[in-house]
């Protein structure tokens, strides 16, 4: 199975969407954002990343199909959280390895 950063880098999304998410990721605070995005108490980073991937995939399907209920701001928010959680997960793995 691909690592989280590999999965994230394999996503093909519009450049503007990704750049906005990167800016949002710099302001991402797990305690403040994750529970609201997932609609539940925050999980550990591993399960949270996979939940965020599922939400992002659904949002991207809506974007591609041109669904009327698509929200670009929600998509940016979820992508920012996904990037932020992936970085937290990678940092935790690096700490565990050292």
N, C-alpha and C. Protein backbone atom coordinates (compact mmCIF):
# COMPACT_ATOMS: atom_id res chain seq x y z
N UNK A 1 0.84 -1.19 0.00
CA UNK A 1 0.00 0.00 0.00
C UNK A 1 0.88 1.25 0.00
N UNK A 2 0.43 2.24 -0.73
CA UNK A 2 1.18 3.50 -0.79
C UNK A 2 1.19 4.18 0.57
N UNK A 3 2.25 4.93 0.85
CA UNK A 3 2.24 5.74 2.06
C UNK A 3 1.32 6.93 1.86
N UNK A 4 1.02 7.60 2.93
CA UNK A 4 0.05 8.70 2.89
C UNK A 4 0.53 9.83 1.98
N UNK A 5 1.79 10.18 2.06
CA UNK A 5 2.29 11.27 1.22
C UNK A 5 2.26 10.86 -0.25
N UNK A 6 2.51 9.59 -0.53
CA UNK A 6 2.41 9.10 -1.90
C UNK A 6 0.99 9.17 -2.43
N UNK A 7 0.04 8.80 -1.57
CA UNK A 7 -1.37 8.89 -1.96
C UNK A 7 -1.77 10.34 -2.22
N UNK A 8 -1.30 11.21 -1.36
CA UNK A 8 -1.62 12.63 -1.49
C UNK A 8 -1.01 13.21 -2.77
N UNK A 9 0.21 12.84 -3.05
CA UNK A 9 0.86 13.39 -4.26
C UNK A 9 0.29 12.80 -5.54
N UNK A 10 -0.39 11.66 -5.44
CA UNK A 10 -0.97 11.06 -6.65
C UNK A 10 -2.33 11.67 -7.02
N UNK A 11 -2.89 12.48 -6.12
CA UNK A 11 -4.15 13.15 -6.44
C UNK A 11 -3.93 14.15 -7.58
N UNK A 12 -4.86 14.20 -8.49
CA UNK A 12 -4.79 15.16 -9.59
C UNK A 12 -5.97 16.12 -9.44
N UNK A 13 -5.66 17.32 -8.96
CA UNK A 13 -6.67 18.33 -8.72
C UNK A 13 -6.24 19.63 -9.38
N UNK A 14 -7.18 20.55 -9.65
CA UNK A 14 -6.81 21.83 -10.24
C UNK A 14 -5.79 22.58 -9.37
N UNK A 15 -4.86 23.22 -10.04
CA UNK A 15 -3.77 23.91 -9.36
C UNK A 15 -4.28 24.94 -8.34
N UNK A 16 -5.29 25.70 -8.70
CA UNK A 16 -5.82 26.72 -7.79
C UNK A 16 -6.39 26.09 -6.52
N UNK A 17 -7.07 24.97 -6.67
CA UNK A 17 -7.62 24.25 -5.52
C UNK A 17 -6.51 23.77 -4.58
N UNK A 18 -5.47 23.22 -5.16
CA UNK A 18 -4.34 22.71 -4.37
C UNK A 18 -3.59 23.85 -3.69
N UNK A 19 -3.35 24.94 -4.41
CA UNK A 19 -2.64 26.07 -3.81
C UNK A 19 -3.44 26.67 -2.65
N UNK A 20 -4.75 26.79 -2.81
CA UNK A 20 -5.58 27.30 -1.71
C UNK A 20 -5.53 26.35 -0.52
N UNK A 21 -5.52 25.06 -0.78
CA UNK A 21 -5.45 24.07 0.31
C UNK A 21 -4.10 24.14 1.02
N UNK A 22 -3.04 24.36 0.28
CA UNK A 22 -1.71 24.48 0.91
C UNK A 22 -1.66 25.69 1.85
N UNK A 23 -2.25 26.78 1.41
CA UNK A 23 -2.31 27.97 2.27
C UNK A 23 -3.13 27.64 3.52
N UNK A 24 -4.27 26.99 3.32
CA UNK A 24 -5.12 26.60 4.45
C UNK A 24 -4.42 25.63 5.38
N UNK A 25 -3.62 24.73 4.84
CA UNK A 25 -2.91 23.74 5.66
C UNK A 25 -1.91 24.42 6.60
N UNK A 26 -1.37 25.55 6.18
CA UNK A 26 -0.42 26.25 7.05
C UNK A 26 -1.11 26.81 8.29
N UNK A 27 -2.43 27.00 8.21
CA UNK A 27 -3.21 27.51 9.34
C UNK A 27 -4.00 26.40 10.04
N UNK A 28 -3.83 25.16 9.58
CA UNK A 28 -4.60 24.03 10.10
C UNK A 28 -4.24 23.74 11.55
N UNK A 29 -5.26 23.63 12.38
CA UNK A 29 -5.10 23.24 13.79
C UNK A 29 -6.06 22.09 14.05
N UNK A 30 -5.49 20.93 14.27
CA UNK A 30 -6.26 19.69 14.45
C UNK A 30 -7.39 19.86 15.46
N UNK A 31 -7.08 20.44 16.61
CA UNK A 31 -8.05 20.56 17.70
C UNK A 31 -9.26 21.41 17.29
N UNK A 32 -9.02 22.39 16.47
CA UNK A 32 -10.07 23.33 16.07
C UNK A 32 -10.83 22.86 14.83
N UNK A 33 -10.17 22.23 13.90
CA UNK A 33 -10.76 21.98 12.59
C UNK A 33 -11.27 20.55 12.36
N UNK A 34 -10.55 19.56 12.85
CA UNK A 34 -10.85 18.18 12.45
C UNK A 34 -12.23 17.71 12.88
N UNK A 35 -12.62 17.99 14.11
CA UNK A 35 -13.94 17.56 14.58
C UNK A 35 -15.08 18.15 13.76
N UNK A 36 -14.94 19.40 13.38
CA UNK A 36 -15.97 20.05 12.56
C UNK A 36 -16.03 19.44 11.17
N UNK A 37 -14.89 19.13 10.59
CA UNK A 37 -14.86 18.58 9.24
C UNK A 37 -15.41 17.16 9.21
N UNK A 38 -15.00 16.35 10.18
CA UNK A 38 -15.44 14.95 10.20
C UNK A 38 -16.82 14.78 10.83
N UNK A 39 -17.27 15.76 11.59
CA UNK A 39 -18.58 15.66 12.23
C UNK A 39 -18.58 14.73 13.43
N UNK A 40 -17.39 14.52 14.00
CA UNK A 40 -17.27 13.65 15.17
C UNK A 40 -16.00 14.00 15.91
N UNK A 41 -15.82 13.36 17.04
CA UNK A 41 -14.61 13.55 17.82
C UNK A 41 -13.41 13.14 16.98
N UNK A 42 -12.37 13.96 16.97
CA UNK A 42 -11.21 13.64 16.15
C UNK A 42 -10.60 12.27 16.45
N UNK A 43 -10.21 11.60 15.39
CA UNK A 43 -9.57 10.30 15.46
C UNK A 43 -8.06 10.49 15.53
N UNK A 44 -7.34 9.40 15.70
CA UNK A 44 -5.89 9.46 15.54
C UNK A 44 -5.61 9.86 14.10
N UNK A 45 -4.40 10.31 13.83
CA UNK A 45 -4.08 10.83 12.50
C UNK A 45 -4.27 9.80 11.39
N UNK A 46 -3.89 8.55 11.59
CA UNK A 46 -4.03 7.54 10.55
C UNK A 46 -5.47 7.37 10.08
N UNK A 47 -6.40 7.01 10.99
CA UNK A 47 -7.80 6.88 10.56
C UNK A 47 -8.39 8.20 10.06
N UNK A 48 -7.97 9.32 10.65
CA UNK A 48 -8.49 10.62 10.21
C UNK A 48 -8.11 10.88 8.76
N UNK A 49 -6.88 10.54 8.38
CA UNK A 49 -6.42 10.76 7.01
C UNK A 49 -7.29 9.98 6.03
N UNK A 50 -7.59 8.73 6.36
CA UNK A 50 -8.39 7.92 5.45
C UNK A 50 -9.84 8.41 5.38
N UNK A 51 -10.38 8.89 6.49
CA UNK A 51 -11.72 9.49 6.47
C UNK A 51 -11.72 10.75 5.60
N UNK A 52 -10.68 11.56 5.73
CA UNK A 52 -10.57 12.77 4.93
C UNK A 52 -10.41 12.44 3.45
N UNK A 53 -9.67 11.38 3.13
CA UNK A 53 -9.55 10.95 1.73
C UNK A 53 -10.91 10.58 1.16
N UNK A 54 -11.73 9.89 1.94
CA UNK A 54 -13.07 9.51 1.47
C UNK A 54 -13.93 10.75 1.20
N UNK A 55 -13.91 11.70 2.14
CA UNK A 55 -14.69 12.93 1.97
C UNK A 55 -14.20 13.70 0.75
N UNK A 56 -12.88 13.80 0.61
CA UNK A 56 -12.31 14.54 -0.52
C UNK A 56 -12.67 13.89 -1.85
N UNK A 57 -12.66 12.57 -1.90
CA UNK A 57 -13.02 11.87 -3.13
C UNK A 57 -14.46 12.16 -3.51
N UNK A 58 -15.34 12.16 -2.54
CA UNK A 58 -16.75 12.48 -2.79
C UNK A 58 -16.89 13.91 -3.30
N UNK A 59 -16.20 14.84 -2.67
CA UNK A 59 -16.24 16.24 -3.11
C UNK A 59 -15.69 16.38 -4.52
N UNK A 60 -14.62 15.69 -4.81
CA UNK A 60 -14.05 15.80 -6.15
C UNK A 60 -14.99 15.20 -7.20
N UNK A 61 -15.65 14.11 -6.87
CA UNK A 61 -16.64 13.53 -7.79
C UNK A 61 -17.75 14.54 -8.08
N UNK A 62 -18.19 15.26 -7.04
CA UNK A 62 -19.21 16.30 -7.23
C UNK A 62 -18.69 17.43 -8.10
N UNK A 63 -17.44 17.82 -7.89
CA UNK A 63 -16.83 18.89 -8.69
C UNK A 63 -16.77 18.49 -10.16
N UNK A 64 -16.29 17.28 -10.41
CA UNK A 64 -16.12 16.82 -11.79
C UNK A 64 -17.46 16.67 -12.51
N UNK A 65 -18.47 16.19 -11.78
CA UNK A 65 -19.78 15.98 -12.41
C UNK A 65 -20.60 17.26 -12.53
N UNK A 66 -20.13 18.34 -11.89
CA UNK A 66 -20.83 19.62 -11.98
C UNK A 66 -22.08 19.69 -11.12
N UNK A 67 -22.12 18.91 -10.06
CA UNK A 67 -23.27 18.90 -9.15
C UNK A 67 -23.51 20.29 -8.57
N UNK A 68 -24.77 20.64 -8.45
CA UNK A 68 -25.13 21.95 -7.94
C UNK A 68 -24.77 22.18 -6.49
N UNK A 69 -24.68 21.14 -5.70
CA UNK A 69 -24.39 21.29 -4.28
C UNK A 69 -22.91 21.33 -3.95
N UNK A 70 -22.06 21.31 -4.97
CA UNK A 70 -20.62 21.32 -4.74
C UNK A 70 -20.19 22.63 -4.10
N UNK A 71 -19.32 22.53 -3.08
CA UNK A 71 -18.80 23.71 -2.40
C UNK A 71 -17.28 23.72 -2.51
N UNK A 72 -16.77 24.69 -3.26
CA UNK A 72 -15.31 24.80 -3.41
C UNK A 72 -14.64 25.11 -2.08
N UNK A 73 -15.29 25.92 -1.26
CA UNK A 73 -14.68 26.26 0.04
C UNK A 73 -14.60 25.03 0.94
N UNK A 74 -15.62 24.19 0.90
CA UNK A 74 -15.57 22.93 1.66
C UNK A 74 -14.47 22.03 1.13
N UNK A 75 -14.31 21.99 -0.18
CA UNK A 75 -13.27 21.16 -0.79
C UNK A 75 -11.89 21.65 -0.34
N UNK A 76 -11.67 22.94 -0.34
CA UNK A 76 -10.40 23.51 0.11
C UNK A 76 -10.18 23.17 1.58
N UNK A 77 -11.21 23.31 2.39
CA UNK A 77 -11.11 23.01 3.82
C UNK A 77 -10.71 21.55 4.05
N UNK A 78 -11.33 20.63 3.33
CA UNK A 78 -11.03 19.21 3.50
C UNK A 78 -9.62 18.90 2.99
N UNK A 79 -9.25 19.45 1.84
CA UNK A 79 -7.89 19.23 1.34
C UNK A 79 -6.84 19.80 2.29
N UNK A 80 -7.10 20.95 2.86
CA UNK A 80 -6.17 21.55 3.82
C UNK A 80 -6.01 20.65 5.04
N UNK A 81 -7.12 20.13 5.53
CA UNK A 81 -7.06 19.21 6.67
C UNK A 81 -6.31 17.93 6.30
N UNK A 82 -6.53 17.45 5.11
CA UNK A 82 -5.86 16.25 4.64
C UNK A 82 -4.34 16.46 4.58
N UNK A 83 -3.93 17.58 4.04
CA UNK A 83 -2.50 17.91 3.99
C UNK A 83 -1.94 18.05 5.41
N UNK A 84 -2.67 18.77 6.26
CA UNK A 84 -2.22 18.96 7.64
C UNK A 84 -2.10 17.66 8.40
N UNK A 85 -3.09 16.78 8.28
CA UNK A 85 -3.05 15.49 8.96
C UNK A 85 -1.95 14.59 8.41
N UNK A 86 -1.74 14.64 7.11
CA UNK A 86 -0.67 13.84 6.51
C UNK A 86 0.69 14.28 7.06
N UNK A 87 0.88 15.58 7.20
CA UNK A 87 2.14 16.07 7.76
C UNK A 87 2.29 15.65 9.22
N UNK A 88 1.20 15.71 9.99
CA UNK A 88 1.27 15.27 11.39
C UNK A 88 1.61 13.78 11.48
N UNK A 89 1.02 12.99 10.61
CA UNK A 89 1.26 11.55 10.60
C UNK A 89 2.72 11.25 10.24
N UNK A 90 3.21 11.92 9.22
CA UNK A 90 4.61 11.73 8.80
C UNK A 90 5.57 12.17 9.90
N UNK A 91 5.28 13.26 10.59
CA UNK A 91 6.12 13.72 11.69
C UNK A 91 6.13 12.71 12.83
N UNK A 92 4.98 12.15 13.13
CA UNK A 92 4.90 11.15 14.19
C UNK A 92 5.68 9.90 13.82
N UNK A 93 5.60 9.50 12.57
CA UNK A 93 6.39 8.33 12.11
C UNK A 93 7.88 8.61 12.18
N UNK A 94 8.29 9.81 11.81
CA UNK A 94 9.70 10.16 11.86
C UNK A 94 10.21 10.17 13.31
N UNK A 95 9.38 10.68 14.23
CA UNK A 95 9.75 10.68 15.65
C UNK A 95 9.88 9.26 16.18
N UNK A 96 8.97 8.39 15.77
CA UNK A 96 9.00 7.00 16.23
C UNK A 96 10.21 6.26 15.68
N UNK A 97 10.65 6.63 14.50
CA UNK A 97 11.78 5.96 13.87
C UNK A 97 13.12 6.40 14.47
N UNK A 98 13.13 7.58 15.09
CA UNK A 98 14.40 8.07 15.63
C UNK A 98 14.58 7.77 17.08
